[in-house]
Amino acid sequence: LFVNRDDLGLPEGTVFQADLIGLPVTDADSGTLYGHI
């Protein structure tokens, strides 16, 4: 079963693990791309 994220009433800026899958991971100082989650 699925839930609509808007129905959860969580604070603005909340990041779910599902939101992170596929995102790039980069070095904060050099900008080097390490890969994707």
Full PDB file with SEQRES, HELIX, SHEET, SSBOND, CRYST1, ORIGX, SCALE, CONECT and MASTER records, all heavy atoms in Angstrom:
SEQRES   1 A   37  LEU PHE VAL ASN ARG ASP ASP LEU GLY LEU PRO GLU GLY          
SEQRES   2 A   37  THR VAL PHE GLN ALA ASP LEU ILE GLY LEU PRO VAL THR          
SEQRES   3 A   37  ASP ALA ASP SER GLY THR LEU TYR GLY HIS ILE                  
HELIX    1 AA1 ARG A    5  LEU A    8  5                                   4    
HELIX    2 AA2 GLN A   17  LEU A   20  1                                   4    
SHEET    1 AA1 2 PRO A  24  THR A  26  0                                        
SHEET    2 AA1 2 LEU A  33  HIS A  36 -1                                        
CRYST1    1.000    1.000    1.000  90.00  90.00  90.00 P 1           1          
ORIGX1      1.000000  0.000000  0.000000        0.00000                         
ORIGX2      0.000000  1.000000  0.000000        0.00000                         
ORIGX3      0.000000  0.000000  1.000000        0.00000                         
SCALE1      1.000000  0.000000  0.000000        0.00000                         
SCALE2      0.000000  1.000000  0.000000        0.00000                         
SCALE3      0.000000  0.000000  1.000000        0.00000                         
ATOM      1  N   LEU A   1       0.842  -1.190   0.000  1.00  0.00           N  
ATOM      2  CA  LEU A   1       0.000   0.000   0.000  1.00  0.00           C  
ATOM      3  C   LEU A   1       0.881   1.245   0.000  1.00  0.00           C  
ATOM      4  O   LEU A   1       1.986   1.244   0.542  1.00  0.00           O  
ATOM      5  CB  LEU A   1      -0.927   0.008   1.215  1.00  0.00           C  
ATOM      6  CG  LEU A   1      -1.893  -1.161   1.337  1.00  0.00           C  
ATOM      7  CD1 LEU A   1      -2.823  -0.962   2.533  1.00  0.00           C  
ATOM      8  CD2 LEU A   1      -2.696  -1.360   0.065  1.00  0.00           C  
ATOM      9  N   PHE A   2       0.368   2.279  -0.615  1.00  0.00           N  
ATOM     10  CA  PHE A   2       1.108   3.522  -0.792  1.00  0.00           C  
ATOM     11  C   PHE A   2       0.425   4.651  -0.031  1.00  0.00           C  
ATOM     12  O   PHE A   2      -0.780   4.611   0.208  1.00  0.00           O  
ATOM     13  CB  PHE A   2       1.185   3.875  -2.281  1.00  0.00           C  
ATOM     14  CG  PHE A   2       1.945   2.872  -3.086  1.00  0.00           C  
ATOM     15  CD1 PHE A   2       1.331   1.706  -3.519  1.00  0.00           C  
ATOM     16  CD2 PHE A   2       3.278   3.073  -3.400  1.00  0.00           C  
ATOM     17  CE1 PHE A   2       2.036   0.756  -4.255  1.00  0.00           C  
ATOM     18  CE2 PHE A   2       3.986   2.133  -4.129  1.00  0.00           C  
ATOM     19  CZ  PHE A   2       3.365   0.973  -4.564  1.00  0.00           C  
ATOM     20  N   VAL A   3       1.209   5.666   0.328  1.00  0.00           N  
ATOM     21  CA  VAL A   3       0.685   6.846   1.003  1.00  0.00           C  
ATOM     22  C   VAL A   3       1.075   8.078   0.177  1.00  0.00           C  
ATOM     23  O   VAL A   3       2.168   8.142  -0.393  1.00  0.00           O  
ATOM     24  CB  VAL A   3       1.223   6.947   2.455  1.00  0.00           C  
ATOM     25  CG1 VAL A   3       2.740   7.091   2.493  1.00  0.00           C  
ATOM     26  CG2 VAL A   3       0.547   8.068   3.216  1.00  0.00           C  
ATOM     27  N   ASN A   4       0.158   9.026   0.100  1.00  0.00           N  
ATOM     28  CA  ASN A   4       0.441  10.296  -0.564  1.00  0.00           C  
ATOM     29  C   ASN A   4       1.327  11.114   0.371  1.00  0.00           C  
ATOM     30  O   ASN A   4       0.953  11.352   1.521  1.00  0.00           O  
ATOM     31  CB  ASN A   4      -0.876  11.023  -0.846  1.00  0.00           C  
ATOM     32  CG  ASN A   4      -0.677  12.308  -1.620  1.00  0.00           C  
ATOM     33  OD1 ASN A   4       0.363  12.948  -1.553  1.00  0.00           O  
ATOM     34  ND2 ASN A   4      -1.691  12.685  -2.365  1.00  0.00           N  
ATOM     35  N   ARG A   5       2.490  11.528  -0.098  1.00  0.00           N  
ATOM     36  CA  ARG A   5       3.430  12.254   0.760  1.00  0.00           C  
ATOM     37  C   ARG A   5       2.800  13.497   1.374  1.00  0.00           C  
ATOM     38  O   ARG A   5       3.137  13.888   2.477  1.00  0.00           O  
ATOM     39  CB  ARG A   5       4.738  12.576   0.039  1.00  0.00           C  
ATOM     40  CG  ARG A   5       4.646  13.658  -0.969  1.00  0.00           C  
ATOM     41  CD  ARG A   5       5.987  14.170  -1.535  1.00  0.00           C  
ATOM     42  NE  ARG A   5       6.844  13.153  -2.047  1.00  0.00           N  
ATOM     43  CZ  ARG A   5       8.103  12.962  -1.624  1.00  0.00           C  
ATOM     44  NH1 ARG A   5       8.631  13.721  -0.713  1.00  0.00           N  
ATOM     45  NH2 ARG A   5       8.831  12.005  -2.135  1.00  0.00           N  
ATOM     46  N   ASP A   6       1.842  14.121   0.675  1.00  0.00           N  
ATOM     47  CA  ASP A   6       1.194  15.325   1.201  1.00  0.00           C  
ATOM     48  C   ASP A   6       0.328  15.022   2.419  1.00  0.00           C  
ATOM     49  O   ASP A   6       0.050  15.910   3.224  1.00  0.00           O  
ATOM     50  CB  ASP A   6       0.333  15.990   0.126  1.00  0.00           C  
ATOM     51  CG  ASP A   6       1.164  16.527  -1.034  1.00  0.00           C  
ATOM     52  OD1 ASP A   6       2.388  16.748  -0.852  1.00  0.00           O  
ATOM     53  OD2 ASP A   6       0.599  16.712  -2.125  1.00  0.00           O  
ATOM     54  N   ASP A   7      -0.126  13.784   2.567  1.00  0.00           N  
ATOM     55  CA  ASP A   7      -0.989  13.408   3.689  1.00  0.00           C  
ATOM     56  C   ASP A   7      -0.213  13.145   4.978  1.00  0.00           C  
ATOM     57  O   ASP A   7      -0.819  12.990   6.033  1.00  0.00           O  
ATOM     58  CB  ASP A   7      -1.801  12.149   3.338  1.00  0.00           C  
ATOM     59  CG  ASP A   7      -2.811  12.401   2.242  1.00  0.00           C  
ATOM     60  OD1 ASP A   7      -3.120  13.582   1.963  1.00  0.00           O  
ATOM     61  OD2 ASP A   7      -3.294  11.416   1.652  1.00  0.00           O  
ATOM     62  N   LEU A   8       1.097  13.088   4.903  1.00  0.00           N  
ATOM     63  CA  LEU A   8       1.896  12.728   6.076  1.00  0.00           C  
ATOM     64  C   LEU A   8       2.103  13.888   7.046  1.00  0.00           C  
ATOM     65  O   LEU A   8       2.457  13.669   8.201  1.00  0.00           O  
ATOM     66  CB  LEU A   8       3.245  12.158   5.643  1.00  0.00           C  
ATOM     67  CG  LEU A   8       3.158  10.797   4.952  1.00  0.00           C  
ATOM     68  CD1 LEU A   8       4.506  10.393   4.380  1.00  0.00           C  
ATOM     69  CD2 LEU A   8       2.648   9.742   5.921  1.00  0.00           C  
ATOM     70  N   GLY A   9       1.902  15.115   6.590  1.00  0.00           N  
ATOM     71  CA  GLY A   9       2.035  16.266   7.478  1.00  0.00           C  
ATOM     72  C   GLY A   9       3.422  16.459   8.041  1.00  0.00           C  
ATOM     73  O   GLY A   9       3.577  16.863   9.189  1.00  0.00           O  
ATOM     74  N   LEU A  10       4.439  16.171   7.252  1.00  0.00           N  
ATOM     75  CA  LEU A  10       5.817  16.306   7.719  1.00  0.00           C  
ATOM     76  C   LEU A  10       6.360  17.701   7.394  1.00  0.00           C  
ATOM     77  O   LEU A  10       5.871  18.372   6.491  1.00  0.00           O  
ATOM     78  CB  LEU A  10       6.689  15.234   7.067  1.00  0.00           C  
ATOM     79  CG  LEU A  10       6.298  13.805   7.447  1.00  0.00           C  
ATOM     80  CD1 LEU A  10       7.084  12.804   6.622  1.00  0.00           C  
ATOM     81  CD2 LEU A  10       6.515  13.555   8.923  1.00  0.00           C  
ATOM     82  N   PRO A  11       7.369  18.132   8.118  1.00  0.00           N  
ATOM     83  CA  PRO A  11       7.930  19.470   7.896  1.00  0.00           C  
ATOM     84  C   PRO A  11       8.482  19.640   6.481  1.00  0.00           C  
ATOM     85  O   PRO A  11       8.952  18.681   5.859  1.00  0.00           O  
ATOM     86  CB  PRO A  11       9.065  19.562   8.921  1.00  0.00           C  
ATOM     87  CG  PRO A  11       8.835  18.466   9.893  1.00  0.00           C  
ATOM     88  CD  PRO A  11       8.049  17.420   9.196  1.00  0.00           C  
ATOM     89  N   GLU A  12       8.421  20.860   5.988  1.00  0.00           N  
ATOM     90  CA  GLU A  12       8.992  21.211   4.686  1.00  0.00           C  
ATOM     91  C   GLU A  12      10.465  20.831   4.681  1.00  0.00           C  
ATOM     92  O   GLU A  12      11.167  20.993   5.673  1.00  0.00           O  
ATOM     93  CB  GLU A  12       8.846  22.722   4.454  1.00  0.00           C  
ATOM     94  CG  GLU A  12       9.275  23.169   3.077  1.00  0.00           C  
ATOM     95  CD  GLU A  12       8.371  22.675   1.972  1.00  0.00           C  
ATOM     96  OE1 GLU A  12       7.162  22.500   2.219  1.00  0.00           O  
ATOM     97  OE2 GLU A  12       8.872  22.462   0.859  1.00  0.00           O  
ATOM     98  N   GLY A  13      10.929  20.285   3.574  1.00  0.00           N  
ATOM     99  CA  GLY A  13      12.328  19.893   3.459  1.00  0.00           C  
ATOM    100  C   GLY A  13      12.613  18.466   3.882  1.00  0.00           C  
ATOM    101  O   GLY A  13      13.745  18.015   3.786  1.00  0.00           O  
ATOM    102  N   THR A  14      11.591  17.737   4.359  1.00  0.00           N  
ATOM    103  CA  THR A  14      11.777  16.339   4.721  1.00  0.00           C  
ATOM    104  C   THR A  14      12.165  15.548   3.472  1.00  0.00           C  
ATOM    105  O   THR A  14      11.554  15.702   2.421  1.00  0.00           O  
ATOM    106  CB  THR A  14      10.486  15.744   5.329  1.00  0.00           C  
ATOM    107  OG1 THR A  14      10.177  16.472   6.516  1.00  0.00           O  
ATOM    108  CG2 THR A  14      10.651  14.274   5.648  1.00  0.00           C  
ATOM    109  N   VAL A  15      13.191  14.745   3.590  1.00  0.00           N  
ATOM    110  CA  VAL A  15      13.660  13.936   2.467  1.00  0.00           C  
ATOM    111  C   VAL A  15      13.439  12.469   2.817  1.00  0.00           C  
ATOM    112  O   VAL A  15      13.860  12.006   3.877  1.00  0.00           O  
ATOM    113  CB  VAL A  15      15.155  14.198   2.169  1.00  0.00           C  
ATOM    114  CG1 VAL A  15      15.646  13.315   1.039  1.00  0.00           C  
ATOM    115  CG2 VAL A  15      15.380  15.664   1.833  1.00  0.00           C  
ATOM    116  N   PHE A  16      12.781  11.756   1.927  1.00  0.00           N  
ATOM    117  CA  PHE A  16      12.535  10.334   2.114  1.00  0.00           C  
ATOM    118  C   PHE A  16      13.651   9.539   1.449  1.00  0.00           C  
ATOM    119  O   PHE A  16      14.265   9.996   0.477  1.00  0.00           O  
ATOM    120  CB  PHE A  16      11.199   9.935   1.483  1.00  0.00           C  
ATOM    121  CG  PHE A  16      10.015  10.546   2.179  1.00  0.00           C  
ATOM    122  CD1 PHE A  16       9.495  11.757   1.762  1.00  0.00           C  
ATOM    123  CD2 PHE A  16       9.424   9.909   3.251  1.00  0.00           C  
ATOM    124  CE1 PHE A  16       8.412  12.317   2.394  1.00  0.00           C  
ATOM    125  CE2 PHE A  16       8.343  10.456   3.899  1.00  0.00           C  
ATOM    126  CZ  PHE A  16       7.832  11.671   3.466  1.00  0.00           C  
ATOM    127  N   GLN A  17      13.901   8.331   1.937  1.00  0.00           N  
ATOM    128  CA  GLN A  17      14.908   7.492   1.305  1.00  0.00           C  
ATOM    129  C   GLN A  17      14.590   7.281  -0.173  1.00  0.00           C  
ATOM    130  O   GLN A  17      15.496   7.279  -1.005  1.00  0.00           O  
ATOM    131  CB  GLN A  17      15.016   6.151   2.024  1.00  0.00           C  
ATOM    132  CG  GLN A  17      15.693   6.255   3.360  1.00  0.00           C  
ATOM    133  CD  GLN A  17      15.912   4.905   4.015  1.00  0.00           C  
ATOM    134  OE1 GLN A  17      15.377   3.884   3.600  1.00  0.00           O  
ATOM    135  NE2 GLN A  17      16.714   4.895   5.059  1.00  0.00           N  
ATOM    136  N   ALA A  18      13.326   7.138  -0.500  1.00  0.00           N  
ATOM    137  CA  ALA A  18      12.936   6.942  -1.903  1.00  0.00           C  
ATOM    138  C   ALA A  18      13.368   8.119  -2.772  1.00  0.00           C  
ATOM    139  O   ALA A  18      13.630   7.952  -3.963  1.00  0.00           O  
ATOM    140  CB  ALA A  18      11.426   6.733  -2.005  1.00  0.00           C  
ATOM    141  N   ASP A  19      13.455   9.317  -2.176  1.00  0.00           N  
ATOM    142  CA  ASP A  19      13.881  10.505  -2.924  1.00  0.00           C  
ATOM    143  C   ASP A  19      15.372  10.476  -3.240  1.00  0.00           C  
ATOM    144  O   ASP A  19      15.830  11.148  -4.166  1.00  0.00           O  
ATOM    145  CB  ASP A  19      13.583  11.782  -2.132  1.00  0.00           C  
ATOM    146  CG  ASP A  19      12.112  11.983  -1.845  1.00  0.00           C  
ATOM    147  OD1 ASP A  19      11.278  11.438  -2.592  1.00  0.00           O  
ATOM    148  OD2 ASP A  19      11.797  12.678  -0.862  1.00  0.00           O  
ATOM    149  N   LEU A  20      16.139   9.729  -2.455  1.00  0.00           N  
ATOM    150  CA  LEU A  20      17.591   9.711  -2.620  1.00  0.00           C  
ATOM    151  C   LEU A  20      18.068   8.710  -3.675  1.00  0.00           C  
ATOM    152  O   LEU A  20      19.148   8.880  -4.248  1.00  0.00           O  
ATOM    153  CB  LEU A  20      18.263   9.386  -1.282  1.00  0.00           C  
ATOM    154  CG  LEU A  20      18.017  10.376  -0.142  1.00  0.00           C  
ATOM    155  CD1 LEU A  20      18.641   9.861   1.150  1.00  0.00           C  
ATOM    156  CD2 LEU A  20      18.561  11.747  -0.492  1.00  0.00           C  
ATOM    157  N   ILE A  21      17.279   7.676  -3.920  1.00  0.00           N  
ATOM    158  CA  ILE A  21      17.687   6.649  -4.886  1.00  0.00           C  
ATOM    159  C   ILE A  21      17.851   7.291  -6.263  1.00  0.00           C  
ATOM    160  O   ILE A  21      16.960   7.966  -6.760  1.00  0.00           O  
ATOM    161  CB  ILE A  21      16.666   5.493  -4.945  1.00  0.00           C  
ATOM    162  CG1 ILE A  21      16.457   4.865  -3.566  1.00  0.00           C  
ATOM    163  CG2 ILE A  21      17.076   4.446  -5.980  1.00  0.00           C  
ATOM    164  CD1 ILE A  21      17.660   4.218  -2.953  1.00  0.00           C  
ATOM    165  N   GLY A  22      19.023   7.072  -6.851  1.00  0.00           N  
ATOM    166  CA  GLY A  22      19.323   7.627  -8.167  1.00  0.00           C  
ATOM    167  C   GLY A  22      20.046   8.961  -8.137  1.00  0.00           C  
ATOM    168  O   GLY A  22      20.542   9.424  -9.167  1.00  0.00           O  
ATOM    169  N   LEU A  23      20.133   9.600  -6.977  1.00  0.00           N  
ATOM    170  CA  LEU A  23      20.790  10.909  -6.897  1.00  0.00           C  
ATOM    171  C   LEU A  23      22.310  10.773  -6.982  1.00  0.00           C  
ATOM    172  O   LEU A  23      22.886   9.806  -6.501  1.00  0.00           O  
ATOM    173  CB  LEU A  23      20.440  11.610  -5.582  1.00  0.00           C  
ATOM    174  CG  LEU A  23      19.038  12.161  -5.444  1.00  0.00           C  
ATOM    175  CD1 LEU A  23      18.881  12.851  -4.085  1.00  0.00           C  
ATOM    176  CD2 LEU A  23      18.704  13.138  -6.565  1.00  0.00           C  
ATOM    177  N   PRO A  24      22.951  11.780  -7.572  1.00  0.00           N  
ATOM    178  CA  PRO A  24      24.413  11.780  -7.611  1.00  0.00           C  
ATOM    179  C   PRO A  24      25.008  12.115  -6.246  1.00  0.00           C  
ATOM    180  O   PRO A  24      24.424  12.869  -5.462  1.00  0.00           O  
ATOM    181  CB  PRO A  24      24.738  12.887  -8.626  1.00  0.00           C  
ATOM    182  CG  PRO A  24      23.560  13.801  -8.587  1.00  0.00           C  
ATOM    183  CD  PRO A  24      22.372  12.934  -8.278  1.00  0.00           C  
ATOM    184  N   VAL A  25      26.173  11.535  -5.984  1.00  0.00           N  
ATOM    185  CA  VAL A  25      26.939  11.836  -4.775  1.00  0.00           C  
ATOM    186  C   VAL A  25      28.227  12.495  -5.237  1.00  0.00           C  
ATOM    187  O   VAL A  25      28.992  11.912  -6.019  1.00  0.00           O  
ATOM    188  CB  VAL A  25      27.247  10.552  -3.969  1.00  0.00           C  
ATOM    189  CG1 VAL A  25      28.111  10.872  -2.755  1.00  0.00           C  
ATOM    190  CG2 VAL A  25      25.965   9.862  -3.563  1.00  0.00           C  
ATOM    191  N   THR A  26      28.446  13.743  -4.785  1.00  0.00           N  
ATOM    192  CA  THR A  26      29.622  14.500  -5.230  1.00  0.00           C  
ATOM    193  C   THR A  26      30.439  14.975  -4.040  1.00  0.00           C  
ATOM    194  O   THR A  26      29.927  15.103  -2.925  1.00  0.00           O  
ATOM    195  CB  THR A  26      29.192  15.738  -6.056  1.00  0.00           C  
ATOM    196  OG1 THR A  26      28.317  16.543  -5.258  1.00  0.00           O  
ATOM    197  CG2 THR A  26      28.491  15.333  -7.335  1.00  0.00           C  
ATOM    198  N   ASP A  27      31.705  15.256  -4.300  1.00  0.00           N  
ATOM    199  CA  ASP A  27      32.583  15.807  -3.286  1.00  0.00           C  
ATOM    200  C   ASP A  27      32.192  17.264  -3.054  1.00  0.00           C  
ATOM    201  O   ASP A  27      32.087  18.042  -4.006  1.00  0.00           O  
ATOM    202  CB  ASP A  27      34.039  15.706  -3.740  1.00  0.00           C  
ATOM    203  CG  ASP A  27      34.991  16.095  -2.638  1.00  0.00           C  
ATOM    204  OD1 ASP A  27      35.157  17.317  -2.404  1.00  0.00           O  
ATOM    205  OD2 ASP A  27      35.568  15.192  -2.002  1.00  0.00           O  
ATOM    206  N   ALA A  28      31.964  17.640  -1.814  1.00  0.00           N  
ATOM    207  CA  ALA A  28      31.512  18.989  -1.479  1.00  0.00           C  
ATOM    208  C   ALA A  28      32.543  20.053  -1.820  1.00  0.00           C  
ATOM    209  O   ALA A  28      32.187  21.196  -2.091  1.00  0.00           O  
ATOM    210  CB  ALA A  28      31.156  19.069   0.005  1.00  0.00           C  
ATOM    211  N   ASP A  29      33.823  19.696  -1.830  1.00  0.00           N  
ATOM    212  CA  ASP A  29      34.870  20.678  -2.078  1.00  0.00           C  
ATOM    213  C   ASP A  29      35.298  20.738  -3.537  1.00  0.00           C  
ATOM    214  O   ASP A  29      35.435  21.822  -4.103  1.00  0.00           O  
ATOM    215  CB  ASP A  29      36.077  20.383  -1.186  1.00  0.00           C  
ATOM    216  CG  ASP A  29      35.701  20.432   0.294  1.00  0.00           C  
ATOM    217  OD1 ASP A  29      34.964  21.362   0.693  1.00  0.00           O  
ATOM    218  OD2 ASP A  29      36.112  19.525   1.042  1.00  0.00           O  
ATOM    219  N   SER A  30      35.487  19.587  -4.165  1.00  0.00           N  
ATOM    220  CA  SER A  30      36.014  19.565  -5.543  1.00  0.00           C  
ATOM    221  C   SER A  30      34.927  19.395  -6.604  1.00  0.00           C  
ATOM    222  O   SER A  30      35.167  19.629  -7.774  1.00  0.00           O  
ATOM    223  CB  SER A  30      37.035  18.428  -5.694  1.00  0.00           C  
ATOM    224  OG  SER A  30      36.368  17.171  -5.625  1.00  0.00           O  
ATOM    225  N   GLY A  31      33.737  18.933  -6.199  1.00  0.00           N  
ATOM    226  CA  GLY A  31      32.670  18.681  -7.166  1.00  0.00           C  
ATOM    227  C   GLY A  31      32.808  17.350  -7.888  1.00  0.00           C  
ATOM    228  O   GLY A  31      32.019  17.026  -8.772  1.00  0.00           O  
ATOM    229  N   THR A  32      33.808  16.542  -7.520  1.00  0.00           N  
ATOM    230  CA  THR A  32      34.023  15.233  -8.134  1.00  0.00           C  
ATOM    231  C   THR A  32      32.796  14.345  -7.943  1.00  0.00           C  
ATOM    232  O   THR A  32      32.284  14.231  -6.827  1.00  0.00           O  
ATOM    233  CB  THR A  32      35.247  14.533  -7.511  1.00  0.00           C  
ATOM    234  OG1 THR A  32      36.396  15.355  -7.697  1.00  0.00           O  
ATOM    235  CG2 THR A  32      35.485  13.159  -8.119  1.00  0.00           C  
ATOM    236  N   LEU A  33      32.340  13.734  -9.022  1.00  0.00           N  
ATOM    237  CA  LEU A  33      31.204  12.816  -8.947  1.00  0.00           C  
ATOM    238  C   LEU A  33      31.713  11.450  -8.508  1.00  0.00           C  
ATOM    239  O   LEU A  33      32.555  10.841  -9.171  1.00  0.00           O  
ATOM    240  CB  LEU A  33      30.508  12.702 -10.306  1.00  0.00           C  
ATOM    241  CG  LEU A  33      29.382  11.673 -10.399  1.00  0.00           C  
ATOM    242  CD1 LEU A  33      28.216  12.070  -9.494  1.00  0.00           C  
ATOM    243  CD2 LEU A  33      28.920  11.520 -11.840  1.00  0.00           C  
ATOM    244  N   TYR A  34      31.185  10.940  -7.380  1.00  0.00           N  
ATOM    245  CA  TYR A  34      31.576   9.631  -6.884  1.00  0.00           C  
ATOM    246  C   TYR A  34      30.686   8.514  -7.411  1.00  0.00           C  
ATOM    247  O   TYR A  34      31.075   7.362  -7.427  1.00  0.00           O  
ATOM    248  CB  TYR A  34      31.562   9.604  -5.352  1.00  0.00           C  
ATOM    249  CG  TYR A  34      32.633  10.466  -4.727  1.00  0.00           C  
ATOM    250  CD1 TYR A  34      32.296  11.452  -3.816  1.00  0.00           C  
ATOM    251  CD2 TYR A  34      33.976  10.282  -5.035  1.00  0.00           C  
ATOM    252  CE1 TYR A  34      33.275  12.236  -3.215  1.00  0.00           C  
ATOM    253  CE2 TYR A  34      34.962  11.067  -4.453  1.00  0.00           C  
ATOM    254  CZ  TYR A  34      34.605  12.044  -3.544  1.00  0.00           C  
ATOM    255  OH  TYR A  34      35.576  12.820  -2.967  1.00  0.00           O  
ATOM    256  N   GLY A  35      29.487   8.845  -7.820  1.00  0.00           N  
ATOM    257  CA  GLY A  35      28.543   7.851  -8.328  1.00  0.00           C  
ATOM    258  C   GLY A  35      27.125   8.248  -7.971  1.00  0.00           C  
ATOM    259  O   GLY A  35      26.853   9.398  -7.627  1.00  0.00           O  
ATOM    260  N   HIS A  36      26.225   7.264  -8.047  1.00  0.00           N  
ATOM    261  CA  HIS A  36      24.808   7.495  -7.767  1.00  0.00           C  
ATOM    262  C   HIS A  36      24.317   6.506  -6.708  1.00  0.00           C  
ATOM    263  O   HIS A  36      24.718   5.344  -6.716  1.00  0.00           O  
ATOM    264  CB  HIS A  36      23.979   7.351  -9.041  1.00  0.00           C  
ATOM    265  CG  HIS A  36      24.248   8.431 -10.029  1.00  0.00           C  
ATOM    266  ND1 HIS A  36      25.337   8.422 -10.862  1.00  0.00           N  
ATOM    267  CD2 HIS A  36      23.572   9.578 -10.289  1.00  0.00           C  
ATOM    268  CE1 HIS A  36      25.331   9.517 -11.609  1.00  0.00           C  
ATOM    269  NE2 HIS A  36      24.261  10.230 -11.281  1.00  0.00           N  
ATOM    270  N   ILE A  37      23.431   6.973  -5.837  1.00  0.00           N  
ATOM    271  CA  ILE A  37      22.874   6.122  -4.790  1.00  0.00           C  
ATOM    272  C   ILE A  37      21.928   5.117  -5.436  1.00  0.00           C  
ATOM    273  O   ILE A  37      21.012   5.495  -6.157  1.00  0.00           O  
ATOM    274  CB  ILE A  37      22.122   6.949  -3.730  1.00  0.00           C  
ATOM    275  CG1 ILE A  37      23.084   7.920  -3.053  1.00  0.00           C  
ATOM    276  CG2 ILE A  37      21.451   6.026  -2.699  1.00  0.00           C  
ATOM    277  CD1 ILE A  37      22.415   8.908  -2.118  1.00  0.00           C  
TER     278      ILE A  37                                                      
MASTER        0    0    0    2    2    0    0    6  277    1    0    3          
END                                                                             
